[in-house]
Amino acid sequence: RLFDKYKIIGSDSKYGVLLKIIHNVLSQYMIFTNNLKVVVNYLNYLY
């Protein structure tokens, strides 16, 4: 949806909001390894 609607990137863009959400998820130490797997799968998708 972001790729379809938004062309501007940066920390103040919708992409920055998505990155902040992912940051908050990764900041939970107890489940970091589980979240790491999700983010790596997401990197694979983005790749």
All heavy atoms as atom14 arrays in JSON, in Angstrom:
{
  "sequence": "RLFDKYKIIGSDSKYGVLLKIIHNVLSQYMIFTNNLKVVVNYLNYLY",
  "atom14_mask": [
    [1, 1, 1, 1, 1, 1, 1, 1, 1, 1, 1, 0, 0, 0],
    [1, 1, 1, 1, 1, 1, 1, 1, 0, 0, 0, 0, 0, 0],
    [1, 1, 1, 1, 1, 1, 1, 1, 1, 1, 1, 0, 0, 0],
    [1, 1, 1, 1, 1, 1, 1, 1, 0, 0, 0, 0, 0, 0],
    [1, 1, 1, 1, 1, 1, 1, 1, 1, 0, 0, 0, 0, 0],
    [1, 1, 1, 1, 1, 1, 1, 1, 1, 1, 1, 1, 0, 0],
    [1, 1, 1, 1, 1, 1, 1, 1, 1, 0, 0, 0, 0, 0],
    [1, 1, 1, 1, 1, 1, 1, 1, 0, 0, 0, 0, 0, 0],
    [1, 1, 1, 1, 1, 1, 1, 1, 0, 0, 0, 0, 0, 0],
    [1, 1, 1, 1, 0, 0, 0, 0, 0, 0, 0, 0, 0, 0],
    [1, 1, 1, 1, 1, 1, 0, 0, 0, 0, 0, 0, 0, 0],
    [1, 1, 1, 1, 1, 1, 1, 1, 0, 0, 0, 0, 0, 0],
    [1, 1, 1, 1, 1, 1, 0, 0, 0, 0, 0, 0, 0, 0],
    [1, 1, 1, 1, 1, 1, 1, 1, 1, 0, 0, 0, 0, 0],
    [1, 1, 1, 1, 1, 1, 1, 1, 1, 1, 1, 1, 0, 0],
    [1, 1, 1, 1, 0, 0, 0, 0, 0, 0, 0, 0, 0, 0],
    [1, 1, 1, 1, 1, 1, 1, 0, 0, 0, 0, 0, 0, 0],
    [1, 1, 1, 1, 1, 1, 1, 1, 0, 0, 0, 0, 0, 0],
    [1, 1, 1, 1, 1, 1, 1, 1, 0, 0, 0, 0, 0, 0],
    [1, 1, 1, 1, 1, 1, 1, 1, 1, 0, 0, 0, 0, 0],
    [1, 1, 1, 1, 1, 1, 1, 1, 0, 0, 0, 0, 0, 0],
    [1, 1, 1, 1, 1, 1, 1, 1, 0, 0, 0, 0, 0, 0],
    [1, 1, 1, 1, 1, 1, 1, 1, 1, 1, 0, 0, 0, 0],
    [1, 1, 1, 1, 1, 1, 1, 1, 0, 0, 0, 0, 0, 0],
    [1, 1, 1, 1, 1, 1, 1, 0, 0, 0, 0, 0, 0, 0],
    [1, 1, 1, 1, 1, 1, 1, 1, 0, 0, 0, 0, 0, 0],
    [1, 1, 1, 1, 1, 1, 0, 0, 0, 0, 0, 0, 0, 0],
    [1, 1, 1, 1, 1, 1, 1, 1, 1, 0, 0, 0, 0, 0],
    [1, 1, 1, 1, 1, 1, 1, 1, 1, 1, 1, 1, 0, 0],
    [1, 1, 1, 1, 1, 1, 1, 1, 0, 0, 0, 0, 0, 0],
    [1, 1, 1, 1, 1, 1, 1, 1, 0, 0, 0, 0, 0, 0],
    [1, 1, 1, 1, 1, 1, 1, 1, 1, 1, 1, 0, 0, 0],
    [1, 1, 1, 1, 1, 1, 1, 0, 0, 0, 0, 0, 0, 0],
    [1, 1, 1, 1, 1, 1, 1, 1, 0, 0, 0, 0, 0, 0],
    [1, 1, 1, 1, 1, 1, 1, 1, 0, 0, 0, 0, 0, 0],
    [1, 1, 1, 1, 1, 1, 1, 1, 0, 0, 0, 0, 0, 0],
    [1, 1, 1, 1, 1, 1, 1, 1, 1, 0, 0, 0, 0, 0],
    [1, 1, 1, 1, 1, 1, 1, 0, 0, 0, 0, 0, 0, 0],
    [1, 1, 1, 1, 1, 1, 1, 0, 0, 0, 0, 0, 0, 0],
    [1, 1, 1, 1, 1, 1, 1, 0, 0, 0, 0, 0, 0, 0],
    [1, 1, 1, 1, 1, 1, 1, 1, 0, 0, 0, 0, 0, 0],
    [1, 1, 1, 1, 1, 1, 1, 1, 1, 1, 1, 1, 0, 0],
    [1, 1, 1, 1, 1, 1, 1, 1, 0, 0, 0, 0, 0, 0],
    [1, 1, 1, 1, 1, 1, 1, 1, 0, 0, 0, 0, 0, 0],
    [1, 1, 1, 1, 1, 1, 1, 1, 1, 1, 1, 1, 0, 0],
    [1, 1, 1, 1, 1, 1, 1, 1, 0, 0, 0, 0, 0, 0],
    [1, 1, 1, 1, 1, 1, 1, 1, 1, 1, 1, 1, 0, 0]
  ],
  "atom14_positions": [
    [[0.83, -1.21, 0.0], [0.0, 0.0, 0.0], [0.86, 1.26, 0.0], [0.55, 2.23, -0.69], [-0.96, 0.0, 1.19], [-1.97, -1.12, 1.03], [-3.25, -0.94, 1.71], [-3.84, 0.35, 1.46], [-4.81, 0.85, 2.19], [-5.3, 0.15, 3.18], [-5.32, 2.03, 1.94], [0.0, 0.0, 0.0], [0.0, 0.0, 0.0], [0.0, 0.0, 0.0]],
    [[1.94, 1.22, 0.8], [2.85, 2.37, 0.81], [3.48, 2.58, -0.56], [3.56, 3.7, -1.06], [3.95, 2.19, 1.86], [3.54, 2.33, 3.33], [4.71, 1.97, 4.24], [3.05, 3.73, 3.63], [0.0, 0.0, 0.0], [0.0, 0.0, 0.0], [0.0, 0.0, 0.0], [0.0, 0.0, 0.0], [0.0, 0.0, 0.0], [0.0, 0.0, 0.0]],
    [[3.93, 1.49, -1.19], [4.55, 1.59, -2.51], [3.57, 2.13, -3.54], [3.95, 2.87, -4.44], [5.09, 0.23, -2.96], [6.38, -0.2, -2.31], [6.92, -1.42, -2.62], [7.05, 0.6, -1.4], [8.12, -1.84, -2.04], [8.23, 0.2, -0.8], [8.77, -1.02, -1.14], [0.0, 0.0, 0.0], [0.0, 0.0, 0.0], [0.0, 0.0, 0.0]],
    [[2.3, 1.77, -3.4], [1.28, 2.24, -4.34], [0.96, 3.72, -4.16], [0.7, 4.42, -5.13], [-0.01, 1.44, -4.18], [0.1, 0.03, -4.73], [1.03, -0.25, -5.51], [-0.75, -0.81, -4.36], [0.0, 0.0, 0.0], [0.0, 0.0, 0.0], [0.0, 0.0, 0.0], [0.0, 0.0, 0.0], [0.0, 0.0, 0.0], [0.0, 0.0, 0.0]],
    [[0.99, 4.21, -2.92], [0.49, 5.55, -2.63], [1.56, 6.6, -2.39], [1.33, 7.78, -2.65], [-0.43, 5.52, -1.4], [-1.74, 4.81, -1.64], [-2.61, 4.94, -0.43], [-3.98, 4.35, -0.69], [-4.93, 4.65, 0.36], [0.0, 0.0, 0.0], [0.0, 0.0, 0.0], [0.0, 0.0, 0.0], [0.0, 0.0, 0.0], [0.0, 0.0, 0.0]],
    [[2.71, 6.21, -1.82], [3.67, 7.22, -1.36], [5.03, 7.03, -2.02], [5.61, 5.97, -1.99], [3.82, 7.14, 0.17], [2.51, 7.37, 0.88], [1.76, 6.3, 1.36], [2.02, 8.66, 1.08], [0.55, 6.5, 2.0], [0.81, 8.87, 1.71], [0.09, 7.79, 2.17], [-1.11, 7.99, 2.81], [0.0, 0.0, 0.0], [0.0, 0.0, 0.0]],
    [[5.51, 8.11, -2.58], [6.81, 8.09, -3.28], [7.92, 8.69, -2.44], [9.08, 8.38, -2.63], [6.72, 8.86, -4.6], [5.62, 8.38, -5.52], [5.92, 7.01, -6.06], [4.83, 6.59, -7.03], [4.67, 5.17, -7.12], [0.0, 0.0, 0.0], [0.0, 0.0, 0.0], [0.0, 0.0, 0.0], [0.0, 0.0, 0.0], [0.0, 0.0, 0.0]],
    [[7.58, 9.57, -1.49], [8.58, 10.29, -0.71], [9.03, 9.43, 0.47], [8.21, 8.91, 1.21], [8.03, 11.65, -0.22], [7.68, 12.52, -1.43], [9.02, 12.33, 0.7], [7.01, 13.82, -1.09], [0.0, 0.0, 0.0], [0.0, 0.0, 0.0], [0.0, 0.0, 0.0], [0.0, 0.0, 0.0], [0.0, 0.0, 0.0], [0.0, 0.0, 0.0]],
    [[10.36, 9.29, 0.6], [10.91, 8.52, 1.7], [11.59, 9.46, 2.69], [11.85, 10.61, 2.38], [11.92, 7.46, 1.19], [13.03, 8.12, 0.38], [11.24, 6.38, 0.41], [14.12, 7.18, -0.08], [0.0, 0.0, 0.0], [0.0, 0.0, 0.0], [0.0, 0.0, 0.0], [0.0, 0.0, 0.0], [0.0, 0.0, 0.0], [0.0, 0.0, 0.0]],
    [[11.81, 8.96, 3.89], [12.48, 9.74, 4.92], [11.86, 9.49, 6.26], [10.79, 8.87, 6.38], [0.0, 0.0, 0.0], [0.0, 0.0, 0.0], [0.0, 0.0, 0.0], [0.0, 0.0, 0.0], [0.0, 0.0, 0.0], [0.0, 0.0, 0.0], [0.0, 0.0, 0.0], [0.0, 0.0, 0.0], [0.0, 0.0, 0.0], [0.0, 0.0, 0.0]],
    [[12.5, 9.97, 7.3], [12.03, 9.68, 8.65], [10.68, 10.34, 8.96], [9.95, 9.86, 9.82], [13.07, 10.13, 9.68], [13.31, 11.51, 9.57], [0.0, 0.0, 0.0], [0.0, 0.0, 0.0], [0.0, 0.0, 0.0], [0.0, 0.0, 0.0], [0.0, 0.0, 0.0], [0.0, 0.0, 0.0], [0.0, 0.0, 0.0], [0.0, 0.0, 0.0]],
    [[10.35, 11.41, 8.26], [9.06, 12.08, 8.49], [7.96, 11.59, 7.56], [6.86, 12.11, 7.57], [9.21, 13.6, 8.33], [10.09, 14.2, 9.41], [10.14, 13.63, 10.52], [10.73, 15.23, 9.14], [0.0, 0.0, 0.0], [0.0, 0.0, 0.0], [0.0, 0.0, 0.0], [0.0, 0.0, 0.0], [0.0, 0.0, 0.0], [0.0, 0.0, 0.0]],
    [[8.26, 10.59, 6.76], [7.28, 10.07, 5.8], [6.52, 8.89, 6.42], [6.78, 8.48, 7.55], [7.99, 9.61, 4.52], [8.76, 8.45, 4.79], [0.0, 0.0, 0.0], [0.0, 0.0, 0.0], [0.0, 0.0, 0.0], [0.0, 0.0, 0.0], [0.0, 0.0, 0.0], [0.0, 0.0, 0.0], [0.0, 0.0, 0.0], [0.0, 0.0, 0.0]],
    [[5.61, 8.34, 5.65], [4.89, 7.13, 6.08], [5.85, 5.96, 6.26], [5.63, 5.1, 7.11], [3.81, 6.76, 5.07], [2.74, 7.81, 4.88], [1.88, 7.93, 6.11], [0.77, 8.94, 5.84], [-0.05, 9.2, 7.0], [0.0, 0.0, 0.0], [0.0, 0.0, 0.0], [0.0, 0.0, 0.0], [0.0, 0.0, 0.0], [0.0, 0.0, 0.0]],
    [[6.94, 5.95, 5.49], [7.94, 4.89, 5.64], [8.65, 5.02, 6.99], [8.98, 4.03, 7.64], [8.95, 4.95, 4.49], [8.31, 4.69, 3.15], [7.92, 5.73, 2.33], [8.05, 3.39, 2.74], [7.3, 5.49, 1.1], [7.44, 3.14, 1.51], [7.07, 4.2, 0.71], [6.45, 3.94, -0.49], [0.0, 0.0, 0.0], [0.0, 0.0, 0.0]],
    [[8.86, 6.26, 7.43], [9.45, 6.5, 8.74], [8.55, 6.01, 9.86], [9.03, 5.47, 10.86], [0.0, 0.0, 0.0], [0.0, 0.0, 0.0], [0.0, 0.0, 0.0], [0.0, 0.0, 0.0], [0.0, 0.0, 0.0], [0.0, 0.0, 0.0], [0.0, 0.0, 0.0], [0.0, 0.0, 0.0], [0.0, 0.0, 0.0], [0.0, 0.0, 0.0]],
    [[7.24, 6.17, 9.67], [6.29, 5.66, 10.67], [6.38, 4.14, 10.75], [6.41, 3.57, 11.85], [4.84, 6.11, 10.33], [3.83, 5.44, 11.24], [4.72, 7.63, 10.39], [0.0, 0.0, 0.0], [0.0, 0.0, 0.0], [0.0, 0.0, 0.0], [0.0, 0.0, 0.0], [0.0, 0.0, 0.0], [0.0, 0.0, 0.0], [0.0, 0.0, 0.0]],
    [[6.44, 3.49, 9.61], [6.58, 2.03, 9.59], [7.87, 1.61, 10.3], [7.86, 0.67, 11.11], [6.58, 1.51, 8.15], [6.84, 0.02, 7.96], [5.77, -0.81, 8.65], [6.92, -0.32, 6.48], [0.0, 0.0, 0.0], [0.0, 0.0, 0.0], [0.0, 0.0, 0.0], [0.0, 0.0, 0.0], [0.0, 0.0, 0.0], [0.0, 0.0, 0.0]],
    [[8.96, 2.3, 10.06], [10.23, 1.97, 10.71], [10.16, 2.18, 12.22], [10.73, 1.41, 12.99], [11.37, 2.79, 10.11], [11.75, 2.4, 8.69], [12.7, 3.43, 8.08], [12.36, 1.02, 8.64], [0.0, 0.0, 0.0], [0.0, 0.0, 0.0], [0.0, 0.0, 0.0], [0.0, 0.0, 0.0], [0.0, 0.0, 0.0], [0.0, 0.0, 0.0]],
    [[9.43, 3.19, 12.67], [9.27, 3.43, 14.11], [8.49, 2.3, 14.76], [8.8, 1.88, 15.88], [8.59, 4.77, 14.36], [9.49, 5.95, 14.08], [8.75, 7.26, 14.23], [9.64, 8.38, 13.73], [8.94, 9.64, 13.58], [0.0, 0.0, 0.0], [0.0, 0.0, 0.0], [0.0, 0.0, 0.0], [0.0, 0.0, 0.0], [0.0, 0.0, 0.0]],
    [[7.49, 1.8, 14.06], [6.71, 0.66, 14.58], [7.61, -0.56, 14.72], [7.6, -1.25, 15.74], [5.49, 0.37, 13.68], [4.48, 1.52, 13.78], [4.85, -0.97, 14.05], [3.4, 1.47, 12.73], [0.0, 0.0, 0.0], [0.0, 0.0, 0.0], [0.0, 0.0, 0.0], [0.0, 0.0, 0.0], [0.0, 0.0, 0.0], [0.0, 0.0, 0.0]],
    [[8.41, -0.83, 13.7], [9.32, -1.97, 13.74], [10.35, -1.78, 14.85], [10.67, -2.72, 15.58], [9.98, -2.2, 12.36], [8.91, -2.63, 11.35], [11.09, -3.23, 12.45], [9.38, -2.68, 9.92], [0.0, 0.0, 0.0], [0.0, 0.0, 0.0], [0.0, 0.0, 0.0], [0.0, 0.0, 0.0], [0.0, 0.0, 0.0], [0.0, 0.0, 0.0]],
    [[10.84, -0.56, 15.02], [11.78, -0.26, 16.1], [11.16, -0.61, 17.45], [11.8, -1.23, 18.3], [12.17, 1.21, 16.07], [12.91, 1.67, 17.28], [14.27, 1.57, 17.38], [12.47, 2.2, 18.44], [14.65, 2.02, 18.57], [13.57, 2.42, 19.23], [0.0, 0.0, 0.0], [0.0, 0.0, 0.0], [0.0, 0.0, 0.0], [0.0, 0.0, 0.0]],
    [[9.92, -0.21, 17.66], [9.25, -0.5, 18.93], [9.09, -1.99, 19.16], [9.22, -2.47, 20.29], [7.89, 0.2, 18.99], [8.04, 1.71, 19.11], [9.06, 2.21, 19.56], [7.02, 2.43, 18.7], [0.0, 0.0, 0.0], [0.0, 0.0, 0.0], [0.0, 0.0, 0.0], [0.0, 0.0, 0.0], [0.0, 0.0, 0.0], [0.0, 0.0, 0.0]],
    [[8.83, -2.73, 18.11], [8.71, -4.18, 18.23], [10.06, -4.79, 18.6], [10.14, -5.67, 19.46], [8.15, -4.78, 16.91], [8.3, -6.28, 16.89], [6.71, -4.38, 16.71], [0.0, 0.0, 0.0], [0.0, 0.0, 0.0], [0.0, 0.0, 0.0], [0.0, 0.0, 0.0], [0.0, 0.0, 0.0], [0.0, 0.0, 0.0], [0.0, 0.0, 0.0]],
    [[11.12, -4.33, 17.96], [12.46, -4.87, 18.24], [12.96, -4.5, 19.63], [13.82, -5.18, 20.19], [13.45, -4.38, 17.19], [13.27, -4.94, 15.78], [14.21, -4.24, 14.82], [13.5, -6.44, 15.76], [0.0, 0.0, 0.0], [0.0, 0.0, 0.0], [0.0, 0.0, 0.0], [0.0, 0.0, 0.0], [0.0, 0.0, 0.0], [0.0, 0.0, 0.0]],
    [[12.44, -3.44, 20.2], [12.92, -3.0, 21.51], [12.44, -3.88, 22.66], [12.84, -3.66, 23.8], [12.52, -1.54, 21.76], [11.12, -1.43, 21.87], [0.0, 0.0, 0.0], [0.0, 0.0, 0.0], [0.0, 0.0, 0.0], [0.0, 0.0, 0.0], [0.0, 0.0, 0.0], [0.0, 0.0, 0.0], [0.0, 0.0, 0.0], [0.0, 0.0, 0.0]],
    [[11.64, -4.87, 22.37], [11.17, -5.8, 23.4], [12.15, -6.96, 23.51], [12.08, -7.93, 22.76], [9.77, -6.29, 23.07], [8.77, -5.15, 22.97], [7.43, -5.61, 22.46], [7.1, -6.78, 22.53], [6.66, -4.69, 21.93], [0.0, 0.0, 0.0], [0.0, 0.0, 0.0], [0.0, 0.0, 0.0], [0.0, 0.0, 0.0], [0.0, 0.0, 0.0]],
    [[13.07, -6.84, 24.45], [14.19, -7.77, 24.58], [13.74, -9.23, 24.72], [14.34, -10.13, 24.12], [15.06, -7.38, 25.77], [16.16, -8.37, 26.05], [17.25, -8.47, 25.19], [16.1, -9.22, 27.15], [18.26, -9.38, 25.42], [17.11, -10.14, 27.39], [18.18, -10.22, 26.53], [19.17, -11.12, 26.75], [0.0, 0.0, 0.0], [0.0, 0.0, 0.0]],
    [[12.71, -9.47, 25.49], [12.29, -10.85, 25.78], [11.9, -11.63, 24.53], [12.04, -12.85, 24.49], [11.13, -10.85, 26.79], [11.51, -10.26, 28.14], [12.81, -11.17, 28.96], [11.91, -12.58, 29.5], [0.0, 0.0, 0.0], [0.0, 0.0, 0.0], [0.0, 0.0, 0.0], [0.0, 0.0, 0.0], [0.0, 0.0, 0.0], [0.0, 0.0, 0.0]],
    [[11.4, -10.95, 23.53], [10.97, -11.63, 22.3], [11.76, -11.17, 21.08], [11.32, -11.33, 19.94], [9.45, -11.48, 22.08], [9.04, -10.0, 22.06], [8.67, -12.25, 23.12], [7.59, -9.77, 21.68], [0.0, 0.0, 0.0], [0.0, 0.0, 0.0], [0.0, 0.0, 0.0], [0.0, 0.0, 0.0], [0.0, 0.0, 0.0], [0.0, 0.0, 0.0]],
    [[12.95, -10.61, 21.33], [13.74, -10.08, 20.23], [14.06, -11.14, 19.18], [13.95, -10.88, 17.98], [15.06, -9.46, 20.75], [15.94, -8.97, 19.64], [15.67, -7.78, 18.99], [17.03, -9.72, 19.21], [16.47, -7.32, 17.97], [17.84, -9.28, 18.18], [17.56, -8.07, 17.56], [0.0, 0.0, 0.0], [0.0, 0.0, 0.0], [0.0, 0.0, 0.0]],
    [[14.45, -12.33, 19.6], [14.85, -13.34, 18.61], [13.66, -13.74, 17.72], [13.84, -13.97, 16.53], [15.45, -14.59, 19.27], [14.56, -15.08, 20.27], [16.79, -14.27, 19.91], [0.0, 0.0, 0.0], [0.0, 0.0, 0.0], [0.0, 0.0, 0.0], [0.0, 0.0, 0.0], [0.0, 0.0, 0.0], [0.0, 0.0, 0.0], [0.0, 0.0, 0.0]],
    [[12.47, -13.8, 18.28], [11.28, -14.09, 17.46], [11.02, -12.94, 16.48], [10.72, -13.17, 15.31], [10.06, -14.31, 18.33], [10.16, -15.57, 19.15], [10.87, -16.5, 18.79], [9.45, -15.61, 20.25], [0.0, 0.0, 0.0], [0.0, 0.0, 0.0], [0.0, 0.0, 0.0], [0.0, 0.0, 0.0], [0.0, 0.0, 0.0], [0.0, 0.0, 0.0]],
    [[11.13, -11.72, 16.99], [10.9, -10.56, 16.13], [12.0, -10.41, 15.09], [11.75, -9.94, 13.98], [10.78, -9.29, 16.97], [9.51, -9.28, 17.8], [8.52, -9.91, 17.44], [9.55, -8.58, 18.91], [0.0, 0.0, 0.0], [0.0, 0.0, 0.0], [0.0, 0.0, 0.0], [0.0, 0.0, 0.0], [0.0, 0.0, 0.0], [0.0, 0.0, 0.0]],
    [[13.21, -10.82, 15.44], [14.32, -10.79, 14.49], [13.99, -11.65, 13.27], [14.21, -11.24, 12.14], [15.61, -11.28, 15.15], [16.82, -11.45, 14.24], [17.27, -10.12, 13.66], [17.96, -12.11, 15.0], [0.0, 0.0, 0.0], [0.0, 0.0, 0.0], [0.0, 0.0, 0.0], [0.0, 0.0, 0.0], [0.0, 0.0, 0.0], [0.0, 0.0, 0.0]],
    [[13.43, -12.81, 13.5], [13.06, -13.71, 12.39], [12.02, -13.05, 11.48], [12.1, -13.15, 10.26], [12.55, -15.03, 12.92], [13.62, -15.86, 13.6], [13.05, -17.15, 14.14], [13.98, -17.88, 15.05], [15.15, -18.43, 14.48], [0.0, 0.0, 0.0], [0.0, 0.0, 0.0], [0.0, 0.0, 0.0], [0.0, 0.0, 0.0], [0.0, 0.0, 0.0]],
    [[11.05, -12.37, 12.08], [10.02, -11.69, 11.29], [10.65, -10.57, 10.46], [10.37, -10.44, 9.26], [8.9, -11.13, 12.2], [7.94, -10.27, 11.4], [8.17, -12.27, 12.89], [0.0, 0.0, 0.0], [0.0, 0.0, 0.0], [0.0, 0.0, 0.0], [0.0, 0.0, 0.0], [0.0, 0.0, 0.0], [0.0, 0.0, 0.0], [0.0, 0.0, 0.0]],
    [[11.52, -9.79, 11.07], [12.15, -8.68, 10.35], [13.07, -9.2, 9.25], [13.11, -8.64, 8.15], [12.9, -7.74, 11.33], [13.68, -6.68, 10.58], [11.91, -7.09, 12.29], [0.0, 0.0, 0.0], [0.0, 0.0, 0.0], [0.0, 0.0, 0.0], [0.0, 0.0, 0.0], [0.0, 0.0, 0.0], [0.0, 0.0, 0.0], [0.0, 0.0, 0.0]],
    [[13.77, -10.29, 9.51], [14.62, -10.88, 8.46], [13.77, -11.39, 7.31], [14.12, -11.2, 6.13], [15.52, -11.99, 9.04], [16.18, -12.8, 7.94], [16.58, -11.39, 9.96], [0.0, 0.0, 0.0], [0.0, 0.0, 0.0], [0.0, 0.0, 0.0], [0.0, 0.0, 0.0], [0.0, 0.0, 0.0], [0.0, 0.0, 0.0], [0.0, 0.0, 0.0]],
    [[12.64, -12.0, 7.6], [11.72, -12.42, 6.53], [11.22, -11.21, 5.75], [11.07, -11.27, 4.53], [10.54, -13.21, 7.09], [10.92, -14.61, 7.47], [11.86, -15.18, 6.92], [10.21, -15.17, 8.43], [0.0, 0.0, 0.0], [0.0, 0.0, 0.0], [0.0, 0.0, 0.0], [0.0, 0.0, 0.0], [0.0, 0.0, 0.0], [0.0, 0.0, 0.0]],
    [[10.98, -10.12, 6.45], [10.56, -8.89, 5.79], [11.68, -8.34, 4.91], [11.43, -7.89, 3.79], [10.13, -7.86, 6.85], [9.61, -6.57, 6.3], [8.58, -6.55, 5.37], [10.15, -5.36, 6.7], [8.09, -5.36, 4.86], [9.67, -4.16, 6.21], [8.65, -4.17, 5.28], [8.18, -2.98, 4.78], [0.0, 0.0, 0.0], [0.0, 0.0, 0.0]],
    [[12.93, -8.41, 5.4], [14.07, -8.01, 4.57], [14.15, -8.86, 3.31], [14.46, -8.36, 2.23], [15.37, -8.12, 5.35], [15.66, -7.03, 6.36], [16.86, -7.41, 7.23], [15.9, -5.71, 5.67], [0.0, 0.0, 0.0], [0.0, 0.0, 0.0], [0.0, 0.0, 0.0], [0.0, 0.0, 0.0], [0.0, 0.0, 0.0], [0.0, 0.0, 0.0]],
    [[13.9, -10.14, 3.46], [13.89, -11.04, 2.31], [12.83, -10.6, 1.3], [13.09, -10.55, 0.08], [13.65, -12.47, 2.76], [13.86, -13.48, 1.67], [14.67, -13.29, 0.77], [13.13, -14.57, 1.73], [0.0, 0.0, 0.0], [0.0, 0.0, 0.0], [0.0, 0.0, 0.0], [0.0, 0.0, 0.0], [0.0, 0.0, 0.0], [0.0, 0.0, 0.0]],
    [[11.67, -10.25, 1.78], [10.59, -9.74, 0.91], [11.05, -8.46, 0.22], [10.89, -8.3, -1.0], [9.34, -9.5, 1.76], [8.32, -8.63, 1.09], [7.47, -9.15, 0.12], [8.19, -7.28, 1.43], [6.52, -8.35, -0.49], [7.26, -6.48, 0.82], [6.43, -7.02, -0.14], [5.51, -6.22, -0.76], [0.0, 0.0, 0.0], [0.0, 0.0, 0.0]],
    [[11.64, -7.53, 0.97], [12.08, -6.26, 0.4], [13.22, -6.45, -0.59], [13.35, -5.69, -1.55], [12.53, -5.31, 1.51], [11.45, -4.73, 2.4], [12.08, -3.99, 3.57], [10.52, -3.83, 1.61], [0.0, 0.0, 0.0], [0.0, 0.0, 0.0], [0.0, 0.0, 0.0], [0.0, 0.0, 0.0], [0.0, 0.0, 0.0], [0.0, 0.0, 0.0]],
    [[14.05, -7.45, -0.35], [15.21, -7.69, -1.19], [14.8, -7.91, -2.65], [15.51, -7.52, -3.57], [15.99, -8.9, -0.66], [17.28, -9.16, -1.37], [18.37, -8.31, -1.19], [17.43, -10.24, -2.22], [19.57, -8.55, -1.83], [18.63, -10.48, -2.88], [19.7, -9.63, -2.68], [20.87, -9.86, -3.33], [0.0, 0.0, 0.0], [0.0, 0.0, 0.0]]
  ]
}
